[in-house]
Amino acid sequence: MVRMRNWIIDYFIGEPEEVTLPQELLFYLTQAMPVIIFIIIMILV
């Protein structure tokens, strides 16, 4: 669990700045929802 949480933190902090806006929007549309659900689960548990 801790490793997964650290991976999520590194995943967003380590995201390169070179990504263009459309790619960022597409990325967050496909990736943000599972992460948000995971964070909510971590808060509730």
C-alpha atoms as a PDB file:
ATOM      1  CA  MET A   1       0.000   0.000   0.000  1.00  0.00           C
ATOM      2  CA  VAL A   2       2.757   2.440   0.956  1.00  0.00           C
ATOM      3  CA  ARG A   3       4.662   1.609  -2.218  1.00  0.00           C
ATOM      4  CA  MET A   4       1.554   2.229  -4.318  1.00  0.00           C
ATOM      5  CA  ARG A   5       0.967   5.573  -2.612  1.00  0.00           C
ATOM      6  CA  ASN A   6       4.595   6.615  -3.174  1.00  0.00           C
ATOM      7  CA  TRP A   7       4.293   5.536  -6.806  1.00  0.00           C
ATOM      8  CA  ILE A   8       1.275   7.812  -7.290  1.00  0.00           C
ATOM      9  CA  ILE A   9       3.127  10.739  -5.680  1.00  0.00           C
ATOM     10  CA  ASP A  10       6.216  10.162  -7.834  1.00  0.00           C
ATOM     11  CA  TYR A  11       3.966   9.645 -10.863  1.00  0.00           C
ATOM     12  CA  PHE A  12       2.456  13.124 -10.629  1.00  0.00           C
ATOM     13  CA  ILE A  13       5.457  15.029  -9.229  1.00  0.00           C
ATOM     14  CA  GLY A  14       7.737  13.414 -11.807  1.00  0.00           C
ATOM     15  CA  GLU A  15       5.439  14.200 -14.726  1.00  0.00           C
ATOM     16  CA  PRO A  16       7.488  16.005 -17.418  1.00  0.00           C
ATOM     17  CA  GLU A  17       6.570  19.612 -18.243  1.00  0.00           C
ATOM     18  CA  GLU A  18       7.026  18.972 -21.977  1.00  0.00           C
ATOM     19  CA  VAL A  19       3.600  17.370 -22.309  1.00  0.00           C
ATOM     20  CA  THR A  20       1.270  19.483 -24.439  1.00  0.00           C
ATOM     21  CA  LEU A  21      -2.123  20.621 -23.188  1.00  0.00           C
ATOM     22  CA  PRO A  22      -4.273  18.246 -25.312  1.00  0.00           C
ATOM     23  CA  GLN A  23      -2.138  15.281 -24.229  1.00  0.00           C
ATOM     24  CA  GLU A  24      -2.439  16.398 -20.602  1.00  0.00           C
ATOM     25  CA  LEU A  25      -6.230  16.598 -20.883  1.00  0.00           C
ATOM     26  CA  LEU A  26      -6.376  13.178 -22.522  1.00  0.00           C
ATOM     27  CA  PHE A  27      -4.017  11.804 -19.883  1.00  0.00           C
ATOM     28  CA  TYR A  28      -6.051  13.118 -16.958  1.00  0.00           C
ATOM     29  CA  LEU A  29      -9.328  11.951 -18.492  1.00  0.00           C
ATOM     30  CA  THR A  30      -7.990   8.398 -18.709  1.00  0.00           C
ATOM     31  CA  GLN A  31      -5.823   8.296 -15.575  1.00  0.00           C
ATOM     32  CA  ALA A  32      -7.164  10.770 -13.012  1.00  0.00           C
ATOM     33  CA  MET A  33     -10.395   8.928 -12.186  1.00  0.00           C
ATOM     34  CA  PRO A  34      -8.807   5.652 -10.966  1.00  0.00           C
ATOM     35  CA  VAL A  35      -6.304   7.686  -8.936  1.00  0.00           C
ATOM     36  CA  ILE A  36      -9.063   9.807  -7.382  1.00  0.00           C
ATOM     37  CA  ILE A  37     -11.003   6.654  -6.487  1.00  0.00           C
ATOM     38  CA  PHE A  38      -7.844   5.159  -4.972  1.00  0.00           C
ATOM     39  CA  ILE A  39      -7.212   8.292  -2.882  1.00  0.00           C
ATOM     40  CA  ILE A  40     -10.822   8.293  -1.652  1.00  0.00           C
ATOM     41  CA  ILE A  41     -10.465   4.632  -0.647  1.00  0.00           C
ATOM     42  CA  MET A  42      -7.231   5.419   1.217  1.00  0.00           C
ATOM     43  CA  ILE A  43      -8.976   8.242   3.100  1.00  0.00           C
ATOM     44  CA  LEU A  44     -11.979   6.105   4.027  1.00  0.00           C
ATOM     45  CA  VAL A  45      -9.945   3.109   5.143  1.00  0.00           C
END
